[in-house]
PDB file of N, CA and C in Angstrom:
ATOM      1  N   MET A   1      12.421 -54.610 -37.949  1.00  0.00           N
ATOM      2  CA  MET A   1      12.569 -53.217 -37.587  1.00  0.00           C
ATOM      3  C   MET A   1      12.985 -53.078 -36.131  1.00  0.00           C
ATOM      4  N   GLU A   2      12.361 -53.908 -35.290  1.00  0.00           N
ATOM      5  CA  GLU A   2      12.693 -53.856 -33.864  1.00  0.00           C
ATOM      6  C   GLU A   2      14.139 -54.301 -33.639  1.00  0.00           C
ATOM      7  N   LEU A   3      14.575 -55.253 -34.437  1.00  0.00           N
ATOM      8  CA  LEU A   3      15.946 -55.743 -34.327  1.00  0.00           C
ATOM      9  C   LEU A   3      16.948 -54.628 -34.653  1.00  0.00           C
ATOM     10  N   LEU A   4      16.659 -53.843 -35.678  1.00  0.00           N
ATOM     11  CA  LEU A   4      17.539 -52.720 -36.030  1.00  0.00           C
ATOM     12  C   LEU A   4      17.591 -51.686 -34.916  1.00  0.00           C
ATOM     13  N   LEU A   5      16.447 -51.429 -34.291  1.00  0.00           N
ATOM     14  CA  LEU A   5      16.395 -50.466 -33.191  1.00  0.00           C
ATOM     15  C   LEU A   5      17.210 -50.965 -32.008  1.00  0.00           C
ATOM     16  N   VAL A   6      17.099 -52.254 -31.696  1.00  0.00           N
ATOM     17  CA  VAL A   6      17.857 -52.847 -30.588  1.00  0.00           C
ATOM     18  C   VAL A   6      19.346 -52.781 -30.885  1.00  0.00           C
ATOM     19  N   LEU A   7      19.736 -53.099 -32.120  1.00  0.00           N
ATOM     20  CA  LEU A   7      21.143 -53.047 -32.487  1.00  0.00           C
ATOM     21  C   LEU A   7      21.688 -51.619 -32.436  1.00  0.00           C
ATOM     22  N   LEU A   8      20.867 -50.647 -32.844  1.00  0.00           N
ATOM     23  CA  LEU A   8      21.285 -49.254 -32.794  1.00  0.00           C
ATOM     24  C   LEU A   8      21.506 -48.797 -31.360  1.00  0.00           C
ATOM     25  N   VAL A   9      20.579 -49.122 -30.472  1.00  0.00           N
ATOM     26  CA  VAL A   9      20.712 -48.737 -29.062  1.00  0.00           C
ATOM     27  C   VAL A   9      21.903 -49.440 -28.439  1.00  0.00           C
ATOM     28  N   ALA A  10      22.099 -50.718 -28.744  1.00  0.00           N
ATOM     29  CA  ALA A  10      23.237 -51.463 -28.198  1.00  0.00           C
ATOM     30  C   ALA A  10      24.545 -50.862 -28.691  1.00  0.00           C
ATOM     31  N   GLY A  11      24.596 -50.488 -29.963  1.00  0.00           N
ATOM     32  CA  GLY A  11      25.802 -49.865 -30.505  1.00  0.00           C
ATOM     33  C   GLY A  11      26.102 -48.542 -29.828  1.00  0.00           C
ATOM     34  N   LEU A  12      25.069 -47.732 -29.600  1.00  0.00           N
ATOM     35  CA  LEU A  12      25.267 -46.449 -28.911  1.00  0.00           C
ATOM     36  C   LEU A  12      25.758 -46.655 -27.481  1.00  0.00           C
ATOM     37  N   LEU A  13      25.212 -47.660 -26.788  1.00  0.00           N
ATOM     38  CA  LEU A  13      25.669 -47.947 -25.422  1.00  0.00           C
ATOM     39  C   LEU A  13      27.123 -48.405 -25.405  1.00  0.00           C
ATOM     40  N   ILE A  14      27.482 -49.256 -26.334  1.00  0.00           N
ATOM     41  CA  ILE A  14      28.868 -49.735 -26.411  1.00  0.00           C
ATOM     42  C   ILE A  14      29.806 -48.578 -26.739  1.00  0.00           C
ATOM     43  N   TYR A  15      29.407 -47.738 -27.690  1.00  0.00           N
ATOM     44  CA  TYR A  15      30.226 -46.579 -28.041  1.00  0.00           C
ATOM     45  C   TYR A  15      30.386 -45.640 -26.844  1.00  0.00           C
ATOM     46  N   GLY A  16      29.305 -45.379 -26.100  1.00  0.00           N
ATOM     47  CA  GLY A  16      29.367 -44.524 -24.905  1.00  0.00           C
ATOM     48  C   GLY A  16      30.304 -45.100 -23.857  1.00  0.00           C
ATOM     49  N   ALA A  17      30.211 -46.406 -23.643  1.00  0.00           N
ATOM     50  CA  ALA A  17      31.098 -47.049 -22.664  1.00  0.00           C
ATOM     51  C   ALA A  17      32.548 -46.967 -23.121  1.00  0.00           C
ATOM     52  N   TYR A  18      32.790 -47.169 -24.414  1.00  0.00           N
ATOM     53  CA  TYR A  18      34.129 -47.086 -24.984  1.00  0.00           C
ATOM     54  C   TYR A  18      34.712 -45.692 -24.780  1.00  0.00           C
ATOM     55  N   ARG A  19      33.934 -44.657 -25.077  1.00  0.00           N
ATOM     56  CA  ARG A  19      34.402 -43.274 -24.904  1.00  0.00           C
ATOM     57  C   ARG A  19      34.648 -42.962 -23.433  1.00  0.00           C
ATOM     58  N   PHE A  20      33.800 -43.471 -22.542  1.00  0.00           N
ATOM     59  CA  PHE A  20      33.968 -43.224 -21.109  1.00  0.00           C
ATOM     60  C   PHE A  20      35.261 -43.840 -20.601  1.00  0.00           C
ATOM     61  N   VAL A  21      35.549 -45.036 -21.050  1.00  0.00           N
ATOM     62  CA  VAL A  21      36.777 -45.718 -20.624  1.00  0.00           C
ATOM     63  C   VAL A  21      37.996 -44.998 -21.175  1.00  0.00           C
ATOM     64  N   LEU A  22      37.945 -44.571 -22.413  1.00  0.00           N
ATOM     65  CA  LEU A  22      39.094 -43.905 -23.023  1.00  0.00           C
ATOM     66  C   LEU A  22      39.331 -42.512 -22.458  1.00  0.00           C
ATOM     67  N   LYS A  23      38.308 -41.890 -21.913  1.00  0.00           N
ATOM     68  CA  LYS A  23      38.459 -40.536 -21.392  1.00  0.00           C
ATOM     69  C   LYS A  23      39.471 -40.494 -20.246  1.00  0.00           C
ATOM     70  N   ASP A  24      39.525 -41.545 -19.455  1.00  0.00           N
ATOM     71  CA  ASP A  24      40.440 -41.583 -18.323  1.00  0.00           C
ATOM     72  C   ASP A  24      41.855 -41.964 -18.729  1.00  0.00           C
ATOM     73  N   ASP A  25      42.002 -42.670 -19.823  1.00  0.00           N
ATOM     74  CA  ASP A  25      43.324 -43.096 -20.275  1.00  0.00           C
ATOM     75  C   ASP A  25      43.986 -41.984 -21.067  1.00  0.00           C
ATOM     76  N   LYS A  26      45.200 -41.640 -20.682  1.00  0.00           N
ATOM     77  CA  LYS A  26      45.965 -40.658 -21.439  1.00  0.00           C
ATOM     78  C   LYS A  26      46.940 -41.418 -22.329  1.00  0.00           C
ATOM     79  N   PRO A  27      47.004 -41.065 -23.593  1.00  0.00           N
ATOM     80  CA  PRO A  27      47.912 -41.789 -24.481  1.00  0.00           C
ATOM     81  C   PRO A  27      49.366 -41.544 -24.101  1.00  0.00           C
ATOM     82  N   VAL A  28      50.156 -42.557 -24.246  1.00  0.00           N
ATOM     83  CA  VAL A  28      51.576 -42.450 -23.972  1.00  0.00           C
ATOM     84  C   VAL A  28      52.243 -41.850 -25.206  1.00  0.00           C
ATOM     85  N   GLU A  29      52.905 -40.719 -25.005  1.00  0.00           N
ATOM     86  CA  GLU A  29      53.560 -40.056 -26.124  1.00  0.00           C
ATOM     87  C   GLU A  29      55.054 -40.343 -26.087  1.00  0.00           C
ATOM     88  N   SER A  30      55.553 -40.760 -27.198  1.00  0.00           N
ATOM     89  CA  SER A  30      56.983 -40.993 -27.297  1.00  0.00           C
ATOM     90  C   SER A  30      57.495 -40.269 -28.527  1.00  0.00           C
ATOM     91  N   GLU A  31      58.703 -39.776 -28.448  1.00  0.00           N
ATOM     92  CA  GLU A  31      59.289 -39.077 -29.582  1.00  0.00           C
ATOM     93  C   GLU A  31      59.754 -40.088 -30.609  1.00  0.00           C
ATOM     94  N   PRO A  32      59.436 -39.835 -31.871  1.00  0.00           N
ATOM     95  CA  PRO A  32      59.924 -40.758 -32.899  1.00  0.00           C
ATOM     96  C   PRO A  32      61.434 -40.654 -33.024  1.00  0.00           C
ATOM     97  N   THR A  33      62.046 -41.777 -33.258  1.00  0.00           N
ATOM     98  CA  THR A  33      63.490 -41.769 -33.409  1.00  0.00           C
ATOM     99  C   THR A  33      63.841 -41.496 -34.860  1.00  0.00           C
ATOM    100  N   PRO A  34      64.666 -40.481 -35.113  1.00  0.00           N
ATOM    101  CA  PRO A  34      65.021 -40.175 -36.495  1.00  0.00           C
ATOM    102  C   PRO A  34      65.935 -41.242 -37.074  1.00  0.00           C
ATOM    103  N   ALA A  35      65.891 -41.375 -38.369  1.00  0.00           N
ATOM    104  CA  ALA A  35      66.779 -42.315 -39.042  1.00  0.00           C
ATOM    105  C   ALA A  35      68.216 -41.859 -38.831  1.00  0.00           C
ATOM    106  N   PRO A  36      69.160 -42.780 -38.712  1.00  0.00           N
ATOM    107  CA  PRO A  36      70.534 -42.393 -38.415  1.00  0.00           C
ATOM    108  C   PRO A  36      71.173 -41.507 -39.476  1.00  0.00           C
ATOM    109  N   ASP A  37      70.789 -41.678 -40.724  1.00  0.00           N
ATOM    110  CA  ASP A  37      71.407 -40.878 -41.771  1.00  0.00           C
ATOM    111  C   ASP A  37      70.535 -39.697 -42.206  1.00  0.00           C
ATOM    112  N   ALA A  38      69.438 -39.440 -41.480  1.00  0.00           N
ATOM    113  CA  ALA A  38      68.547 -38.335 -41.843  1.00  0.00           C
ATOM    114  C   ALA A  38      69.186 -36.994 -41.456  1.00  0.00           C
ATOM    115  N   PRO A  39      69.088 -35.991 -42.331  1.00  0.00           N
ATOM    116  CA  PRO A  39      69.652 -34.684 -41.984  1.00  0.00           C
ATOM    117  C   PRO A  39      68.813 -34.026 -40.904  1.00  0.00           C
ATOM    118  N   LYS A  40      69.450 -33.178 -40.138  1.00  0.00           N
ATOM    119  CA  LYS A  40      68.719 -32.485 -39.089  1.00  0.00           C
ATOM    120  C   LYS A  40      67.755 -31.502 -39.732  1.00  0.00           C
ATOM    121  N   VAL A  41      66.611 -31.336 -39.094  1.00  0.00           N
ATOM    122  CA  VAL A  41      65.564 -30.471 -39.638  1.00  0.00           C
ATOM    123  C   VAL A  41      66.054 -29.039 -39.762  1.00  0.00           C
ATOM    124  N   ASP A  42      66.840 -28.581 -38.813  1.00  0.00           N
ATOM    125  CA  ASP A  42      67.328 -27.201 -38.859  1.00  0.00           C
ATOM    126  C   ASP A  42      68.137 -26.932 -40.126  1.00  0.00           C
ATOM    127  N   VAL A  43      68.959 -27.878 -40.515  1.00  0.00           N
ATOM    128  CA  VAL A  43      69.781 -27.703 -41.709  1.00  0.00           C
ATOM    129  C   VAL A  43      68.896 -27.618 -42.949  1.00  0.00           C
ATOM    130  N   VAL A  44      67.883 -28.466 -43.015  1.00  0.00           N
ATOM    131  CA  VAL A  44      66.975 -28.465 -44.153  1.00  0.00           C
ATOM    132  C   VAL A  44      66.198 -27.150 -44.200  1.00  0.00           C
ATOM    133  N   VAL A  45      65.691 -26.699 -43.055  1.00  0.00           N
ATOM    134  CA  VAL A  45      64.934 -25.446 -43.011  1.00  0.00           C
ATOM    135  C   VAL A  45      65.825 -24.279 -43.404  1.00  0.00           C
ATOM    136  N   GLN A  46      67.053 -24.250 -42.926  1.00  0.00           N
ATOM    137  CA  GLN A  46      67.964 -23.166 -43.286  1.00  0.00           C
ATOM    138  C   GLN A  46      68.264 -23.170 -44.782  1.00  0.00           C
ATOM    139  N   THR A  47      68.350 -24.344 -45.368  1.00  0.00           N
ATOM    140  CA  THR A  47      68.639 -24.430 -46.792  1.00  0.00           C
ATOM    141  C   THR A  47      67.447 -23.983 -47.630  1.00  0.00           C
ATOM    142  N   LEU A  48      66.252 -24.402 -47.253  1.00  0.00           N
ATOM    143  CA  LEU A  48      65.064 -24.098 -48.036  1.00  0.00           C
ATOM    144  C   LEU A  48      64.454 -22.737 -47.714  1.00  0.00           C
ATOM    145  N   ASP A  49      64.810 -22.144 -46.590  1.00  0.00           N
ATOM    146  CA  ASP A  49      64.250 -20.850 -46.205  1.00  0.00           C
ATOM    147  C   ASP A  49      64.973 -19.745 -46.964  1.00  0.00           C
ATOM    148  N   VAL A  50      64.523 -19.474 -48.181  1.00  0.00           N
ATOM    149  CA  VAL A  50      65.202 -18.545 -49.082  1.00  0.00           C
ATOM    150  C   VAL A  50      65.155 -17.117 -48.558  1.00  0.00           C
ATOM    151  N   ASN A  51      63.979 -16.705 -48.064  1.00  0.00           N
ATOM    152  CA  ASN A  51      63.853 -15.316 -47.611  1.00  0.00           C
ATOM    153  C   ASN A  51      64.254 -15.120 -46.147  1.00  0.00           C
ATOM    154  N   LYS A  52      64.768 -16.157 -45.506  1.00  0.00           N
ATOM    155  CA  LYS A  52      65.329 -16.109 -44.145  1.00  0.00           C
ATOM    156  C   LYS A  52      64.361 -15.534 -43.113  1.00  0.00           C
ATOM    157  N   ASP A  53      63.069 -15.960 -43.198  1.00  0.00           N
ATOM    158  CA  ASP A  53      62.103 -15.521 -42.204  1.00  0.00           C
ATOM    159  C   ASP A  53      61.872 -16.564 -41.118  1.00  0.00           C
ATOM    160  N   GLY A  54      62.619 -17.655 -41.153  1.00  0.00           N
ATOM    161  CA  GLY A  54      62.542 -18.670 -40.113  1.00  0.00           C
ATOM    162  C   GLY A  54      61.567 -19.801 -40.397  1.00  0.00           C
ATOM    163  N   LYS A  55      60.903 -19.754 -41.539  1.00  0.00           N
ATOM    164  CA  LYS A  55      59.980 -20.832 -41.879  1.00  0.00           C
ATOM    165  C   LYS A  55      59.979 -21.042 -43.392  1.00  0.00           C
ATOM    166  N   VAL A  56      59.651 -22.269 -43.776  1.00  0.00           N
ATOM    167  CA  VAL A  56      59.554 -22.601 -45.187  1.00  0.00           C
ATOM    168  C   VAL A  56      58.082 -22.486 -45.564  1.00  0.00           C
ATOM    169  N   ASP A  57      57.769 -21.531 -46.437  1.00  0.00           N
ATOM    170  CA  ASP A  57      56.382 -21.313 -46.826  1.00  0.00           C
ATOM    171  C   ASP A  57      56.272 -21.236 -48.343  1.00  0.00           C
ATOM    172  N   LEU A  58      55.111 -20.863 -48.821  1.00  0.00           N
ATOM    173  CA  LEU A  58      54.852 -20.833 -50.255  1.00  0.00           C
ATOM    174  C   LEU A  58      55.784 -19.876 -50.987  1.00  0.00           C
ATOM    175  N   GLU A  59      56.116 -18.764 -50.386  1.00  0.00           N
ATOM    176  CA  GLU A  59      57.026 -17.801 -51.022  1.00  0.00           C
ATOM    177  C   GLU A  59      58.405 -18.419 -51.247  1.00  0.00           C
ATOM    178  N   ASP A  60      58.879 -19.186 -50.275  1.00  0.00           N
ATOM    179  CA  ASP A  60      60.166 -19.874 -50.429  1.00  0.00           C
ATOM    180  C   ASP A  60      60.106 -20.883 -51.571  1.00  0.00           C
ATOM    181  N   VAL A  61      59.018 -21.639 -51.640  1.00  0.00           N
ATOM    182  CA  VAL A  61      58.871 -22.644 -52.692  1.00  0.00           C
ATOM    183  C   VAL A  61      58.843 -21.968 -54.065  1.00  0.00           C
ATOM    184  N   LYS A  62      58.110 -20.861 -54.170  1.00  0.00           N
ATOM    185  CA  LYS A  62      58.058 -20.141 -55.445  1.00  0.00           C
ATOM    186  C   LYS A  62      59.439 -19.653 -55.859  1.00  0.00           C
ATOM    187  N   GLU A  63      60.207 -19.127 -54.911  1.00  0.00           N
ATOM    188  CA  GLU A  63      61.535 -18.608 -55.211  1.00  0.00           C
ATOM    189  C   GLU A  63      62.483 -19.734 -55.640  1.00  0.00           C
ATOM    190  N   VAL A  64      62.420 -20.872 -54.948  1.00  0.00           N
ATOM    191  CA  VAL A  64      63.263 -22.013 -55.308  1.00  0.00           C
ATOM    192  C   VAL A  64      62.894 -22.508 -56.703  1.00  0.00           C
ATOM    193  N   ALA A  65      61.591 -22.593 -57.009  1.00  0.00           N
ATOM    194  CA  ALA A  65      61.158 -23.037 -58.330  1.00  0.00           C
ATOM    195  C   ALA A  65      61.617 -22.061 -59.411  1.00  0.00           C
ATOM    196  N   LYS A  66      61.558 -20.766 -59.113  1.00  0.00           N
ATOM    197  CA  LYS A  66      61.991 -19.746 -60.081  1.00  0.00           C
ATOM    198  C   LYS A  66      63.484 -19.881 -60.372  1.00  0.00           C
ATOM    199  N   LYS A  67      64.282 -20.082 -59.324  1.00  0.00           N
ATOM    200  CA  LYS A  67      65.728 -20.232 -59.510  1.00  0.00           C
ATOM    201  C   LYS A  67      66.054 -21.518 -60.272  1.00  0.00           C
ATOM    202  N   ALA A  68      65.335 -22.607 -59.960  1.00  0.00           N
ATOM    203  CA  ALA A  68      65.578 -23.875 -60.650  1.00  0.00           C
ATOM    204  C   ALA A  68      65.214 -23.757 -62.128  1.00  0.00           C
ATOM    205  N   LYS A  69      64.117 -23.077 -62.420  1.00  0.00           N
ATOM    206  CA  LYS A  69      63.708 -22.885 -63.813  1.00  0.00           C
ATOM    207  C   LYS A  69      64.752 -22.069 -64.572  1.00  0.00           C
ATOM    208  N   ALA A  70      65.291 -21.046 -63.922  1.00  0.00           N
ATOM    209  CA  ALA A  70      66.314 -20.218 -64.565  1.00  0.00           C
ATOM    210  C   ALA A  70      67.579 -21.028 -64.855  1.00  0.00           C
ATOM    211  N   ARG A  71      67.970 -21.894 -63.906  1.00  0.00           N
ATOM    212  CA  ARG A  71      69.163 -22.728 -64.120  1.00  0.00           C
ATOM    213  C   ARG A  71      68.953 -23.711 -65.253  1.00  0.00           C
ATOM    214  N   VAL A  72      67.783 -24.336 -65.296  1.00  0.00           N
ATOM    215  CA  VAL A  72      67.493 -25.289 -66.362  1.00  0.00           C
ATOM    216  C   VAL A  72      67.476 -24.586 -67.707  1.00  0.00           C
ATOM    217  N   LYS A  73      66.865 -23.413 -67.754  1.00  0.00           N
ATOM    218  CA  LYS A  73      66.799 -22.665 -69.009  1.00  0.00           C
ATOM    219  C   LYS A  73      68.198 -22.277 -69.481  1.00  0.00           C
ATOM    220  N   LYS A  74      69.054 -21.887 -68.533  1.00  0.00           N
ATOM    221  CA  LYS A  74      70.420 -21.492 -68.888  1.00  0.00           C
ATOM    222  C   LYS A  74      71.186 -22.674 -69.468  1.00  0.00           C
ATOM    223  N   VAL A  75      71.023 -23.832 -68.874  1.00  0.00           N
ATOM    224  CA  VAL A  75      71.722 -25.021 -69.351  1.00  0.00           C
ATOM    225  C   VAL A  75      71.140 -25.498 -70.674  1.00  0.00           C
ATOM    226  N   ALA A  76      69.817 -25.431 -70.817  1.00  0.00           N
ATOM    227  CA  ALA A  76      69.164 -25.941 -72.021  1.00  0.00           C
ATOM    228  C   ALA A  76      69.338 -25.024 -73.220  1.00  0.00           C
ATOM    229  N   ASP A  77      69.623 -23.742 -72.993  1.00  0.00           N
ATOM    230  CA  ASP A  77      69.778 -22.785 -74.092  1.00  0.00           C
ATOM    231  C   ASP A  77      71.201 -22.887 -74.631  1.00  0.00           C
ATOM    232  N   VAL A  78      71.406 -23.858 -75.518  1.00  0.00           N
ATOM    233  CA  VAL A  78      72.737 -24.174 -76.015  1.00  0.00           C
ATOM    234  C   VAL A  78      73.329 -23.030 -76.834  1.00  0.00           C
ATOM    235  N   ASP A  79      72.519 -22.398 -77.693  1.00  0.00           N
ATOM    236  CA  ASP A  79      73.062 -21.342 -78.549  1.00  0.00           C
ATOM    237  C   ASP A  79      73.082 -19.966 -77.871  1.00  0.00           C
ATOM    238  N   GLY A  80      72.531 -19.855 -76.663  1.00  0.00           N
ATOM    239  CA  GLY A  80      72.632 -18.616 -75.896  1.00  0.00           C
ATOM    240  C   GLY A  80      71.756 -17.476 -76.376  1.00  0.00           C
ATOM    241  N   ASP A  81      70.677 -17.770 -77.105  1.00  0.00           N
ATOM    242  CA  ASP A  81      69.817 -16.691 -77.596  1.00  0.00           C
ATOM    243  C   ASP A  81      68.699 -16.315 -76.617  1.00  0.00           C
ATOM    244  N   GLY A  82      68.646 -16.951 -75.443  1.00  0.00           N
ATOM    245  CA  GLY A  82      67.631 -16.632 -74.442  1.00  0.00           C
ATOM    246  C   GLY A  82      66.359 -17.438 -74.575  1.00  0.00           C
ATOM    247  N   LYS A  83      66.300 -18.316 -75.546  1.00  0.00           N
ATOM    248  CA  LYS A  83      65.132 -19.158 -75.780  1.00  0.00           C
ATOM    249  C   LYS A  83      65.574 -20.597 -75.929  1.00  0.00           C
ATOM    250  N   VAL A  84      64.743 -21.514 -75.459  1.00  0.00           N
ATOM    251  CA  VAL A  84      65.008 -22.929 -75.659  1.00  0.00           C
ATOM    252  C   VAL A  84      64.175 -23.368 -76.860  1.00  0.00           C
ATOM    253  N   THR A  85      64.854 -23.678 -77.952  1.00  0.00           N
ATOM    254  CA  THR A  85      64.186 -24.035 -79.206  1.00  0.00           C
ATOM    255  C   THR A  85      64.477 -25.489 -79.570  1.00  0.00           C
ATOM    256  N   LYS A  86      63.893 -25.920 -80.676  1.00  0.00           N
ATOM    257  CA  LYS A  86      64.155 -27.281 -81.163  1.00  0.00           C
ATOM    258  C   LYS A  86      65.645 -27.470 -81.474  1.00  0.00           C
ATOM    259  N   GLY A  87      66.260 -26.426 -81.997  1.00  0.00           N
ATOM    260  CA  GLY A  87      67.688 -26.504 -82.288  1.00  0.00           C
ATOM    261  C   GLY A  87      68.513 -26.741 -81.035  1.00  0.00           C
ATOM    262  N   ASP A  88      68.116 -26.090 -79.921  1.00  0.00           N
ATOM    263  CA  ASP A  88      68.810 -26.304 -78.652  1.00  0.00           C
ATOM    264  C   ASP A  88      68.659 -27.746 -78.185  1.00  0.00           C
ATOM    265  N   VAL A  89      67.458 -28.271 -78.324  1.00  0.00           N
ATOM    266  CA  VAL A  89      67.207 -29.651 -77.907  1.00  0.00           C
ATOM    267  C   VAL A  89      68.028 -30.619 -78.745  1.00  0.00           C
ATOM    268  N   LYS A  90      68.064 -30.389 -80.057  1.00  0.00           N
ATOM    269  CA  LYS A  90      68.856 -31.260 -80.938  1.00  0.00           C
ATOM    270  C   LYS A  90      70.343 -31.180 -80.611  1.00  0.00           C
ATOM    271  N   ALA A  91      70.837 -29.952 -80.348  1.00  0.00           N
ATOM    272  CA  ALA A  91      72.255 -29.785 -80.016  1.00  0.00           C
ATOM    273  C   ALA A  91      72.584 -30.458 -78.687  1.00  0.00           C
ATOM    274  N   ALA A  92      71.681 -30.326 -77.707  1.00  0.00           N
ATOM    275  CA  ALA A  92      71.910 -30.962 -76.405  1.00  0.00           C
ATOM    276  C   ALA A  92      71.908 -32.480 -76.544  1.00  0.00           C
ATOM    277  N   ALA A  93      70.976 -33.014 -77.341  1.00  0.00           N
ATOM    278  CA  ALA A  93      70.920 -34.463 -77.551  1.00  0.00           C
ATOM    279  C   ALA A  93      72.187 -34.964 -78.234  1.00  0.00           C
ATOM    280  N   LYS A  94      72.676 -34.203 -79.195  1.00  0.00           N
ATOM    281  CA  LYS A  94      73.907 -34.582 -79.901  1.00  0.00           C
ATOM    282  C   LYS A  94      75.094 -34.580 -78.937  1.00  0.00           C
ATOM    283  N   LYS A  95      75.136 -33.571 -78.072  1.00  0.00           N
ATOM    284  CA  LYS A  95      76.220 -33.465 -77.087  1.00  0.00           C
ATOM    285  C   LYS A  95      76.187 -34.658 -76.132  1.00  0.00           C
ATOM    286  N   ILE A  96      74.988 -35.042 -75.717  1.00  0.00           N
ATOM    287  CA  ILE A  96      74.845 -36.175 -74.796  1.00  0.00           C
ATOM    288  C   ILE A  96      75.250 -37.469 -75.499  1.00  0.00           C
ATOM    289  N   ARG A  97      74.858 -37.639 -76.757  1.00  0.00           N
ATOM    290  CA  ARG A  97      75.235 -38.855 -77.499  1.00  0.00           C
ATOM    291  C   ARG A  97      76.737 -38.964 -77.655  1.00  0.00           C
ATOM    292  N   THR A  98      77.414 -37.842 -77.941  1.00  0.00           N
ATOM    293  CA  THR A  98      78.870 -37.909 -78.117  1.00  0.00           C
ATOM    294  C   THR A  98      79.568 -38.205 -76.801  1.00  0.00           C
ATOM    295  N   ARG A  99      79.031 -37.712 -75.700  1.00  0.00           N
ATOM    296  CA  ARG A  99      79.610 -38.039 -74.380  1.00  0.00           C
ATOM    297  C   ARG A  99      79.473 -39.516 -74.075  1.00  0.00           C
ATOM    298  N   LYS A 100      78.309 -40.096 -74.378  1.00  0.00           N
ATOM    299  CA  LYS A 100      78.088 -41.512 -74.098  1.00  0.00           C
ATOM    300  C   LYS A 100      78.964 -42.384 -74.965  1.00  0.00           C
ATOM    301  N   SER A 101      79.172 -41.986 -76.209  1.00  0.00           N
ATOM    302  CA  SER A 101      79.985 -42.804 -77.112  1.00  0.00           C
ATOM    303  C   SER A 101      81.454 -42.757 -76.712  1.00  0.00           C
ATOM    304  N   LYS A 102      81.896 -41.661 -76.108  1.00  0.00           N
ATOM    305  CA  LYS A 102      83.298 -41.552 -75.649  1.00  0.00           C
ATOM    306  C   LYS A 102      83.526 -42.339 -74.368  1.00  0.00           C
ATOM    307  N   ALA A 103      82.495 -42.534 -73.585  1.00  0.00           N
ATOM    308  CA  ALA A 103      82.640 -43.196 -72.284  1.00  0.00           C
ATOM    309  C   ALA A 103      82.742 -44.680 -72.388  1.00  0.00           C
TER     310      ALA A 103
END
């Protein structure tokens, strides 16, 4: 039991000394270098900022998801009845198979 108490006090002293030493040291900050082919952040923000409020937030994400869902539904609705049914899936699969066989 005494050994645990000694180890606890020693650990606290070491931790205190560590914090005291680090308090005087200021971390060196360097800017990360972007990847050479990475797009600029401004371009990405402008593209994703649907409501043009200057920031990409949950409303922008919801709007992008809504537009993507509408595009997928439009493409998947082969017969144009406004619904994606089993018949649409079968027709799309058949169309894809015929494209692959021609290629």
